[in-house]
C-alpha atoms as a PDB file:
ATOM      1  CA  MET A   1      -9.765 -40.282  -2.353  1.00  0.00           C
ATOM      2  CA  CYS A   2     -11.525 -37.179  -3.948  1.00  0.00           C
ATOM      3  CA  THR A   3      -9.561 -34.208  -3.864  1.00  0.00           C
ATOM      4  CA  MET A   4     -12.539 -32.033  -4.005  1.00  0.00           C
ATOM      5  CA  LEU A   5     -13.501 -32.224  -0.131  1.00  0.00           C
ATOM      6  CA  ARG A   6     -15.256 -29.626   1.760  1.00  0.00           C
ATOM      7  CA  THR A   7     -14.548 -28.309   5.049  1.00  0.00           C
ATOM      8  CA  ARG A   8     -17.469 -27.855   7.243  1.00  0.00           C
ATOM      9  CA  LEU A   9     -16.229 -27.770  10.794  1.00  0.00           C
ATOM     10  CA  THR A  10     -12.885 -26.600  11.966  1.00  0.00           C
ATOM     11  CA  LEU A  11     -11.917 -27.308  15.702  1.00  0.00           C
ATOM     12  CA  LYS A  12      -9.161 -25.978  17.883  1.00  0.00           C
ATOM     13  CA  PRO A  13      -7.734 -28.832  20.071  1.00  0.00           C
ATOM     14  CA  GLY A  14      -9.671 -29.434  24.057  1.00  0.00           C
ATOM     15  CA  ARG A  15     -13.264 -29.115  22.293  1.00  0.00           C
ATOM     16  CA  PRO A  16     -16.009 -31.880  21.882  1.00  0.00           C
ATOM     17  CA  GLY A  17     -14.502 -34.518  19.033  1.00  0.00           C
ATOM     18  CA  THR A  18     -11.026 -33.764  19.830  1.00  0.00           C
ATOM     19  CA  ARG A  19      -9.935 -35.324  22.985  1.00  0.00           C
ATOM     20  CA  ASP A  20      -8.806 -38.608  22.103  1.00  0.00           C
ATOM     21  CA  LEU A  21      -6.401 -36.951  19.324  1.00  0.00           C
ATOM     22  CA  VAL A  22      -5.295 -34.362  21.917  1.00  0.00           C
ATOM     23  CA  GLU A  23      -4.390 -37.347  23.678  1.00  0.00           C
ATOM     24  CA  LYS A  24      -2.695 -38.814  21.261  1.00  0.00           C
ATOM     25  CA  TYR A  25      -0.635 -35.796  19.495  1.00  0.00           C
ATOM     26  CA  GLY A  26      -0.480 -33.487  22.517  1.00  0.00           C
ATOM     27  CA  GLU A  27       0.610 -29.691  22.034  1.00  0.00           C
ATOM     28  CA  GLN A  28       1.577 -30.558  18.449  1.00  0.00           C
ATOM     29  CA  LEU A  29      -2.010 -30.886  17.607  1.00  0.00           C
ATOM     30  CA  VAL A  30      -3.293 -27.550  15.934  1.00  0.00           C
ATOM     31  CA  CYS A  31      -6.750 -28.012  14.871  1.00  0.00           C
ATOM     32  CA  VAL A  32      -9.015 -31.215  13.848  1.00  0.00           C
ATOM     33  CA  ARG A  33     -10.927 -30.504  10.374  1.00  0.00           C
ATOM     34  CA  TYR A  34     -14.333 -32.753   9.431  1.00  0.00           C
ATOM     35  CA  ARG A  35     -13.905 -32.695   5.496  1.00  0.00           C
ATOM     36  CA  TYR A  36     -17.012 -34.136   3.271  1.00  0.00           C
ATOM     37  CA  ASP A  37     -16.491 -35.749  -0.405  1.00  0.00           C
ATOM     38  CA  ASP A  38     -20.024 -35.339  -1.814  1.00  0.00           C
ATOM     39  CA  GLU A  39     -19.410 -37.899  -4.622  1.00  0.00           C
ATOM     40  CA  LEU A  40     -18.488 -40.571  -2.371  1.00  0.00           C
ATOM     41  CA  GLY A  41     -20.637 -39.944   0.635  1.00  0.00           C
ATOM     42  CA  ILE A  42     -17.697 -40.056   2.877  1.00  0.00           C
ATOM     43  CA  ARG A  43     -16.830 -37.961   5.767  1.00  0.00           C
ATOM     44  CA  TYR A  44     -13.097 -37.619   6.707  1.00  0.00           C
ATOM     45  CA  LYS A  45     -11.759 -36.037  10.030  1.00  0.00           C
ATOM     46  CA  THR A  46      -7.931 -34.981   9.683  1.00  0.00           C
ATOM     47  CA  VAL A  47      -5.647 -33.466  11.994  1.00  0.00           C
ATOM     48  CA  GLU A  48      -3.225 -30.726  11.024  1.00  0.00           C
ATOM     49  CA  LEU A  49      -0.286 -31.209  13.348  1.00  0.00           C
ATOM     50  CA  ILE A  50       3.428 -29.325  13.993  1.00  0.00           C
ATOM     51  CA  VAL A  51       6.078 -31.200  12.757  1.00  0.00           C
ATOM     52  CA  ASP A  52       8.943 -29.048  13.027  1.00  0.00           C
ATOM     53  CA  GLU A  53       9.559 -25.603  14.864  1.00  0.00           C
ATOM     54  CA  LYS A  54      12.757 -23.471  13.791  1.00  0.00           C
ATOM     55  CA  PRO A  55      13.254 -19.787  14.801  1.00  0.00           C
ATOM     56  CA  TRP A  56      12.088 -17.357  12.205  1.00  0.00           C
ATOM     57  CA  LYS A  57      12.378 -13.706  11.724  1.00  0.00           C
ATOM     58  CA  PRO A  58       9.628 -11.860   9.715  1.00  0.00           C
ATOM     59  CA  ARG A  59      10.577  -9.521   6.892  1.00  0.00           C
ATOM     60  CA  THR A  60      10.246  -6.078   7.995  1.00  0.00           C
ATOM     61  CA  SER A  61       9.176  -3.210   5.030  1.00  0.00           C
ATOM     62  CA  GLN A  62      10.720   0.243   5.038  1.00  0.00           C
ATOM     63  CA  TYR A  63       6.965   1.411   4.217  1.00  0.00           C
ATOM     64  CA  ARG A  64       4.512   1.904   6.408  1.00  0.00           C
ATOM     65  CA  PRO A  65       1.075   1.488   4.476  1.00  0.00           C
ATOM     66  CA  THR A  66       0.024   4.769   4.023  1.00  0.00           C
ATOM     67  CA  ASP A  67       3.483   5.548   2.547  1.00  0.00           C
ATOM     68  CA  LEU A  68       3.149   6.748  -1.157  1.00  0.00           C
ATOM     69  CA  VAL A  69       5.835   4.661  -3.189  1.00  0.00           C
ATOM     70  CA  HIS A  70       6.499   5.395  -6.841  1.00  0.00           C
ATOM     71  CA  VAL A  71       6.250   2.544  -9.715  1.00  0.00           C
ATOM     72  CA  LYS A  72       7.402   2.215 -13.344  1.00  0.00           C
ATOM     73  CA  VAL A  73       4.947   1.022 -15.463  1.00  0.00           C
ATOM     74  CA  GLU A  74       6.276   0.154 -19.321  1.00  0.00           C
ATOM     75  CA  PRO A  75       4.328   1.111 -22.114  1.00  0.00           C
ATOM     76  CA  HIS A  76       3.045  -2.430 -22.743  1.00  0.00           C
ATOM     77  CA  GLU A  77       1.538  -2.944 -19.562  1.00  0.00           C
ATOM     78  CA  SER A  78      -1.508  -1.509 -19.919  1.00  0.00           C
ATOM     79  CA  GLN A  79      -3.562  -4.010 -17.459  1.00  0.00           C
ATOM     80  CA  LEU A  80      -1.189  -2.961 -14.332  1.00  0.00           C
ATOM     81  CA  ARG A  81      -1.554   0.350 -15.253  1.00  0.00           C
ATOM     82  CA  SER A  82      -5.464   0.136 -14.957  1.00  0.00           C
ATOM     83  CA  ALA A  83      -5.014  -1.460 -11.755  1.00  0.00           C
ATOM     84  CA  LEU A  84      -3.068   1.274 -10.370  1.00  0.00           C
ATOM     85  CA  LYS A  85      -5.822   3.869 -11.403  1.00  0.00           C
ATOM     86  CA  LEU A  86      -8.497   1.608 -10.265  1.00  0.00           C
ATOM     87  CA  LEU A  87      -6.523   1.727  -6.689  1.00  0.00           C
ATOM     88  CA  GLY A  88      -5.966   5.611  -6.673  1.00  0.00           C
ATOM     89  CA  GLY A  89      -2.517   5.512  -8.321  1.00  0.00           C
ATOM     90  CA  ARG A  90      -1.667   8.708  -9.897  1.00  0.00           C
ATOM     91  CA  TYR A  91       0.754   9.256 -12.664  1.00  0.00           C
ATOM     92  CA  HIS A  92       3.794  11.746 -12.150  1.00  0.00           C
ATOM     93  CA  PRO A  93       4.912  12.591 -15.726  1.00  0.00           C
ATOM     94  CA  SER A  94       8.436  14.319 -14.539  1.00  0.00           C
ATOM     95  CA  SER A  95       9.368  11.179 -12.773  1.00  0.00           C
ATOM     96  CA  ASP A  96       7.072   8.981 -15.426  1.00  0.00           C
ATOM     97  CA  THR A  97       6.178   6.880 -12.375  1.00  0.00           C
ATOM     98  CA  TRP A  98       2.747   6.284 -10.663  1.00  0.00           C
ATOM     99  CA  LEU A  99       2.490   7.212  -7.142  1.00  0.00           C
ATOM    100  CA  ILE A 100       0.462   5.238  -5.332  1.00  0.00           C
ATOM    101  CA  ALA A 101      -0.383   3.813  -1.503  1.00  0.00           C
ATOM    102  CA  HIS A 102       2.058   1.437  -0.660  1.00  0.00           C
ATOM    103  CA  ALA A 103      -0.822  -0.773   1.145  1.00  0.00           C
ATOM    104  CA  ALA A 104      -2.478  -0.917  -2.257  1.00  0.00           C
ATOM    105  CA  LEU A 105       0.749  -1.821  -4.133  1.00  0.00           C
ATOM    106  CA  THR A 106       0.556  -4.578  -1.372  1.00  0.00           C
ATOM    107  CA  ALA A 107      -2.765  -6.021  -1.950  1.00  0.00           C
ATOM    108  CA  LEU A 108      -1.518  -6.293  -5.363  1.00  0.00           C
ATOM    109  CA  ARG A 109       1.729  -8.040  -4.330  1.00  0.00           C
ATOM    110  CA  LEU A 110       3.558  -6.128  -6.554  1.00  0.00           C
ATOM    111  CA  THR A 111       6.115  -4.464  -4.165  1.00  0.00           C
ATOM    112  CA  HIS A 112       8.817  -5.569  -6.289  1.00  0.00           C
ATOM    113  CA  LEU A 113       8.080  -2.612  -8.519  1.00  0.00           C
ATOM    114  CA  ILE A 114       8.853  -0.098  -6.060  1.00  0.00           C
ATOM    115  CA  THR A 115      11.129   2.318  -7.703  1.00  0.00           C
ATOM    116  CA  ASP A 116      13.539   4.574  -6.091  1.00  0.00           C
ATOM    117  CA  ILE A 117      13.355   8.438  -7.831  1.00  0.00           C
ATOM    118  CA  SER A 118      15.901   9.877  -5.486  1.00  0.00           C
ATOM    119  CA  HIS A 119      18.414  10.272  -8.389  1.00  0.00           C
ATOM    120  CA  LEU A 120      16.171  11.686 -10.974  1.00  0.00           C
ATOM    121  CA  SER A 121      15.262  14.920  -8.646  1.00  0.00           C
ATOM    122  CA  THR A 122      17.242  17.646  -8.247  1.00  0.00           C
ATOM    123  CA  PRO A 123      16.365  20.081  -5.376  1.00  0.00           C
ATOM    124  CA  ARG A 124      15.603  23.890  -6.109  1.00  0.00           C
ATOM    125  CA  SER A 125      16.764  26.244  -3.771  1.00  0.00           C
ATOM    126  CA  PRO A 126      13.305  28.397  -2.692  1.00  0.00           C
ATOM    127  CA  ARG A 127      13.829  32.258  -3.010  1.00  0.00           C
ATOM    128  CA  SER A 128      13.261  32.469   0.715  1.00  0.00           C
ATOM    129  CA  THR A 129      12.189  30.427   3.827  1.00  0.00           C
ATOM    130  CA  ARG A 130       8.452  31.660   3.335  1.00  0.00           C
ATOM    131  CA  ASP A 131       8.737  29.716  -0.228  1.00  0.00           C
ATOM    132  CA  LEU A 132      10.109  26.426   1.453  1.00  0.00           C
ATOM    133  CA  LYS A 133       7.315  26.363   4.148  1.00  0.00           C
ATOM    134  CA  SER A 134       4.783  27.305   1.697  1.00  0.00           C
ATOM    135  CA  THR A 135       6.172  24.646  -0.770  1.00  0.00           C
ATOM    136  CA  THR A 136       6.175  21.770   1.874  1.00  0.00           C
ATOM    137  CA  TYR A 137       2.960  22.571   3.420  1.00  0.00           C
ATOM    138  CA  ALA A 138       1.590  22.194  -0.597  1.00  0.00           C
ATOM    139  CA  ARG A 139       3.489  19.227  -0.967  1.00  0.00           C
ATOM    140  CA  TYR A 140       2.028  17.537   2.734  1.00  0.00           C
ATOM    141  CA  ASP A 141      -1.523  18.865   1.899  1.00  0.00           C
ATOM    142  CA  GLU A 142      -1.282  16.755  -1.495  1.00  0.00           C
ATOM    143  CA  MET A 143      -0.251  13.802  -0.253  1.00  0.00           C
ATOM    144  CA  ALA A 144      -2.919  13.973   2.673  1.00  0.00           C
ATOM    145  CA  ASP A 145      -5.796  14.457   0.367  1.00  0.00           C
ATOM    146  CA  PHE A 146      -4.318  11.692  -2.123  1.00  0.00           C
ATOM    147  CA  GLN A 147      -4.084   9.300   0.896  1.00  0.00           C
ATOM    148  CA  TRP A 148      -7.667  10.580   2.135  1.00  0.00           C
ATOM    149  CA  TRP A 149      -8.741   9.871  -1.717  1.00  0.00           C
ATOM    150  CA  VAL A 150      -7.541   6.386  -1.651  1.00  0.00           C
ATOM    151  CA  GLY A 151      -8.806   5.221   2.112  1.00  0.00           C
ATOM    152  CA  LEU A 152      -5.792   5.207   3.676  1.00  0.00           C
ATOM    153  CA  GLY A 153      -5.841   8.629   5.434  1.00  0.00           C
ATOM    154  CA  SER A 154      -8.332  10.686   7.416  1.00  0.00           C
ATOM    155  CA  LYS A 155      -9.089  14.558   7.382  1.00  0.00           C
END
């Protein structure tokens, strides 16, 4: 059998062309595929079956897709730096990290590179409550602008 098979049709159980297989496999039948070998001129009818069931709990992320996360990039990783730039990442010299939306990092499959910078930041005490509010709003506006620019937020 050739390894380069084209799939032209995938049918759910109960559709015409699957009834005999539904009788044979019952609830285990997931789908029926018609695959074609162009070199040999042969059509194959394949089935996908459930052979085992076990409880499974999906991993949950502590981040929402729109959350901005810090990524540490080494000097020699120029391709990674280019990818982060392309997806809207911004370099922050104070922490020597890149700030990028978690969804973009997930798309690159690089969530293992997320860096915790809480130990780097030292909170400064504002002179007044007014300064605190303006600083908070400025940070929020900057993040909202960044998320909108990346395409993850709305304005």
